[in-house]
Amino acid sequence: MNYTLKVQEDKETGEYYIELPHGVLVSANIDIGDSIEWSMSDDNSYATLTKIDDETS
């Protein structure tokens, strides 16, 4: 599954974020509030998102 997502900036905090489409959340078994890890490829052409198990982190 491939998506191109716009990185946005929160005007109040200055933090950056992306909005994940519903299909990505379902496919990756991610819920709102879950922690995820963002890993870039060596050439920065794509990122992999991985859900972090809060019990082991």
C-alpha atoms as a PDB file:
ATOM      1  CA  MET A   1       0.000   0.000   0.000  1.00  0.00           C
ATOM      2  CA  ASN A   2       1.511   3.351  -1.024  1.00  0.00           C
ATOM      3  CA  TYR A   3       0.380   6.829  -0.083  1.00  0.00           C
ATOM      4  CA  THR A   4       1.825  10.290  -0.446  1.00  0.00           C
ATOM      5  CA  LEU A   5       0.889  12.366   2.574  1.00  0.00           C
ATOM      6  CA  LYS A   6       1.381  16.053   3.253  1.00  0.00           C
ATOM      7  CA  VAL A   7       3.365  16.917   6.387  1.00  0.00           C
ATOM      8  CA  GLN A   8       1.450  19.618   8.234  1.00  0.00           C
ATOM      9  CA  GLU A   9       2.407  21.991  11.047  1.00  0.00           C
ATOM     10  CA  ASP A  10       0.289  22.633  14.126  1.00  0.00           C
ATOM     11  CA  LYS A  11      -0.049  26.437  14.252  1.00  0.00           C
ATOM     12  CA  GLU A  12      -0.204  26.489  18.066  1.00  0.00           C
ATOM     13  CA  THR A  13       2.632  24.118  18.963  1.00  0.00           C
ATOM     14  CA  GLY A  14       4.817  24.201  15.852  1.00  0.00           C
ATOM     15  CA  GLU A  15       4.865  20.377  15.849  1.00  0.00           C
ATOM     16  CA  TYR A  16       4.657  18.516  12.544  1.00  0.00           C
ATOM     17  CA  TYR A  17       2.169  15.745  11.833  1.00  0.00           C
ATOM     18  CA  ILE A  18       0.551  13.683   9.083  1.00  0.00           C
ATOM     19  CA  GLU A  19      -3.040  12.503   8.836  1.00  0.00           C
ATOM     20  CA  LEU A  20      -3.205   8.794   8.075  1.00  0.00           C
ATOM     21  CA  PRO A  21      -6.070   7.626   5.842  1.00  0.00           C
ATOM     22  CA  HIS A  22      -8.569   5.253   7.446  1.00  0.00           C
ATOM     23  CA  GLY A  23      -7.377   2.375   5.213  1.00  0.00           C
ATOM     24  CA  VAL A  24      -3.832   2.735   6.558  1.00  0.00           C
ATOM     25  CA  LEU A  25      -5.060   2.670  10.154  1.00  0.00           C
ATOM     26  CA  VAL A  26      -7.084  -0.488   9.525  1.00  0.00           C
ATOM     27  CA  SER A  27      -4.356  -2.283   7.531  1.00  0.00           C
ATOM     28  CA  ALA A  28      -1.670  -1.498  10.110  1.00  0.00           C
ATOM     29  CA  ASN A  29      -3.931  -2.199  13.098  1.00  0.00           C
ATOM     30  CA  ILE A  30      -3.297   1.342  14.373  1.00  0.00           C
ATOM     31  CA  ASP A  31      -5.791   3.268  16.478  1.00  0.00           C
ATOM     32  CA  ILE A  32      -5.887   6.974  17.296  1.00  0.00           C
ATOM     33  CA  GLY A  33      -3.558   7.508  20.248  1.00  0.00           C
ATOM     34  CA  ASP A  34      -1.243   4.579  19.434  1.00  0.00           C
ATOM     35  CA  SER A  35       2.493   5.215  19.293  1.00  0.00           C
ATOM     36  CA  ILE A  36       4.183   4.588  15.959  1.00  0.00           C
ATOM     37  CA  GLU A  37       7.777   4.624  14.802  1.00  0.00           C
ATOM     38  CA  TRP A  38       8.722   6.378  11.566  1.00  0.00           C
ATOM     39  CA  SER A  39      11.680   4.787   9.702  1.00  0.00           C
ATOM     40  CA  MET A  40      13.064   6.372   6.533  1.00  0.00           C
ATOM     41  CA  SER A  41      14.692   4.428   3.697  1.00  0.00           C
ATOM     42  CA  ASP A  42      18.413   4.973   3.086  1.00  0.00           C
ATOM     43  CA  ASP A  43      17.664   7.333   0.198  1.00  0.00           C
ATOM     44  CA  ASN A  44      14.739   9.069   1.994  1.00  0.00           C
ATOM     45  CA  SER A  45      12.344   8.037  -0.768  1.00  0.00           C
ATOM     46  CA  TYR A  46       9.853   6.366   1.570  1.00  0.00           C
ATOM     47  CA  ALA A  47       9.045   5.804   5.214  1.00  0.00           C
ATOM     48  CA  THR A  48       7.830   2.753   7.082  1.00  0.00           C
ATOM     49  CA  LEU A  49       5.426   3.170   9.989  1.00  0.00           C
ATOM     50  CA  THR A  50       5.459   0.555  12.732  1.00  0.00           C
ATOM     51  CA  LYS A  51       3.122   0.394  15.708  1.00  0.00           C
ATOM     52  CA  ILE A  52       5.010   0.419  19.021  1.00  0.00           C
ATOM     53  CA  ASP A  53       3.794  -1.998  21.677  1.00  0.00           C
ATOM     54  CA  ASP A  54       3.549   0.283  24.728  1.00  0.00           C
ATOM     55  CA  GLU A  55       4.007  -2.687  27.068  1.00  0.00           C
ATOM     56  CA  THR A  56       7.531  -3.391  25.756  1.00  0.00           C
ATOM     57  CA  SER A  57       8.762   0.166  25.081  1.00  0.00           C
END
